[in-house]
Protein backbone atom coordinates (compact mmCIF):
# COMPACT_ATOMS: atom_id res chain seq x y z
CA MET A 1 0.00 0.00 0.00
CA ALA A 2 1.33 3.42 -0.94
CA THR A 3 1.77 6.04 1.73
CA PRO A 4 1.71 9.68 0.68
CA GLY A 5 4.69 10.74 2.85
CA HIS A 6 7.47 11.39 0.34
CA SER A 7 5.20 12.26 -2.55
CA SER A 8 3.30 14.85 -0.52
CA THR A 9 6.61 16.41 0.55
CA CYS A 10 7.68 16.59 -3.10
CA ARG A 11 4.32 18.14 -4.00
CA GLY A 12 4.76 20.74 -1.25
CA VAL A 13 8.24 21.62 -2.48
CA GLY A 14 6.88 21.98 -6.02
CA VAL A 15 4.07 24.28 -4.90
CA HIS A 16 6.57 26.55 -3.13
CA PHE A 17 8.34 27.28 -6.42
CA PHE A 18 5.33 29.27 -7.69
CA PRO A 19 5.65 32.19 -5.23
CA LEU A 20 9.45 31.98 -5.55
CA ALA A 21 9.12 32.52 -9.29
CA SER A 22 7.42 35.86 -8.65
CA THR A 23 9.69 36.86 -5.79
CA LEU A 24 12.90 36.12 -7.69
CA ALA A 25 11.54 37.31 -11.06
CA ASN A 26 12.43 33.95 -12.62
CA ARG A 27 9.49 32.46 -14.50
CA SER A 28 11.35 29.22 -15.20
CA LEU A 29 10.88 28.25 -11.55
CA ARG A 30 7.21 27.66 -12.38
CA LEU A 31 8.24 24.91 -14.78
CA LEU A 32 10.31 23.31 -12.02
CA GLY A 33 7.29 23.49 -9.70
CA VAL A 34 5.08 21.78 -12.28
CA LEU A 35 7.68 19.06 -12.82
CA LEU A 36 8.00 18.33 -9.10
CA ILE A 37 4.22 18.16 -8.69
CA ALA A 38 4.09 15.74 -11.65
CA VAL A 39 6.80 13.60 -10.03
CA ALA A 40 4.77 13.48 -6.81
CA ALA A 41 1.65 12.39 -8.71
CA ALA A 42 3.61 9.76 -10.66
CA ALA A 43 5.13 8.42 -7.43
CA LEU A 44 1.75 8.06 -5.79
CA ALA A 45 0.24 6.39 -8.87
CA THR A 46 3.20 4.01 -9.17
CA GLY A 47 2.97 3.12 -5.50
CA LEU A 48 -0.73 2.33 -5.81
CA ALA A 49 -0.40 0.36 -9.04
CA SER A 50 2.76 -1.66 -8.35
CA ALA A 51 5.07 -2.95 -5.65
CA THR A 52 7.54 -0.12 -6.30
CA ALA A 53 7.90 2.18 -3.30
CA PRO A 54 6.71 5.74 -3.96
CA SER A 55 9.90 7.04 -2.34
CA THR A 56 11.92 5.38 -5.10
CA VAL A 57 10.06 7.31 -7.79
CA THR A 58 10.00 10.51 -5.74
CA GLY A 59 13.71 10.46 -4.96
CA ALA A 60 14.87 9.64 -8.47
CA GLY A 61 12.36 11.91 -10.22
CA ALA A 62 12.78 14.94 -7.99
CA GLY A 63 16.55 14.52 -7.90
CA LEU A 64 16.77 14.40 -11.69
CA CYS A 65 14.47 17.41 -12.09
CA LEU A 66 16.44 19.50 -9.61
CA LEU A 67 19.81 18.45 -11.05
CA ALA A 68 18.72 19.15 -14.63
CA PHE A 69 17.31 22.55 -13.67
CA CYS A 70 20.52 23.40 -11.83
CA LEU A 71 22.71 22.44 -14.78
CA VAL A 72 20.59 24.33 -17.31
CA THR A 73 20.63 27.42 -15.10
CA LEU A 74 24.41 27.25 -14.63
CA LEU A 75 25.11 26.60 -18.30
CA ALA A 76 22.81 29.41 -19.43
CA GLY A 77 25.06 31.80 -17.53
CA ARG A 78 22.36 34.40 -17.17
CA PRO A 79 21.91 36.31 -13.95
CA LEU A 80 18.39 36.54 -12.63
CA TYR A 81 18.51 40.28 -13.25
CA GLY A 82 21.03 43.07 -13.06
CA ASP A 83 24.81 42.83 -13.06
CA PRO A 84 26.11 39.53 -11.63
CA SER A 85 28.97 41.38 -9.92
CA ASP A 86 26.42 43.16 -7.72
CA GLY A 87 25.27 39.90 -6.16
CA LEU A 88 21.66 38.88 -5.73
CA ARG A 89 19.27 41.79 -5.50
CA LEU A 90 15.56 41.51 -5.09
CA PRO A 91 13.45 43.85 -7.22
CA ARG A 92 12.29 46.98 -5.45
CA SER A 93 8.69 48.05 -5.41
CA GLN A 94 9.67 51.75 -5.50
CA PRO A 95 12.32 53.47 -7.64
CA GLU A 96 15.58 54.21 -5.84
CA GLY A 97 15.65 57.43 -3.89
CA LYS A 98 11.90 57.51 -3.25
CA ALA A 99 10.45 56.36 0.03
C-alpha cells in the first residue's frame, strides 16, 4: 500500500516554487514546480499500481528534475537580473531614492 509521505513532501516543495518565481523574477521556476508536482503524482500512482515504493520514484524523479534545472541554469550563464557582480538583489517596489 502506498503512503503519501514522500510524494506529498515533493508536492509541497513543487508548490513553493510558484511564489518563488514571482519573488525572484524567474518564470522558469514555475516549470520546475510543475515538474515536481508531476513527479509526486507519478510516485503516488506508481505506489498504488505496483510494488515499487513511492519514495523510489520521488527520490529519483525529484533529484533528476532539480539536477537538470541546476545544470541548465548554470550553463545558461544568465543572472536573474542586473549585473552579476552586484550579487543577488531583489526587485524593489519603489524606484531608488523615493520612500
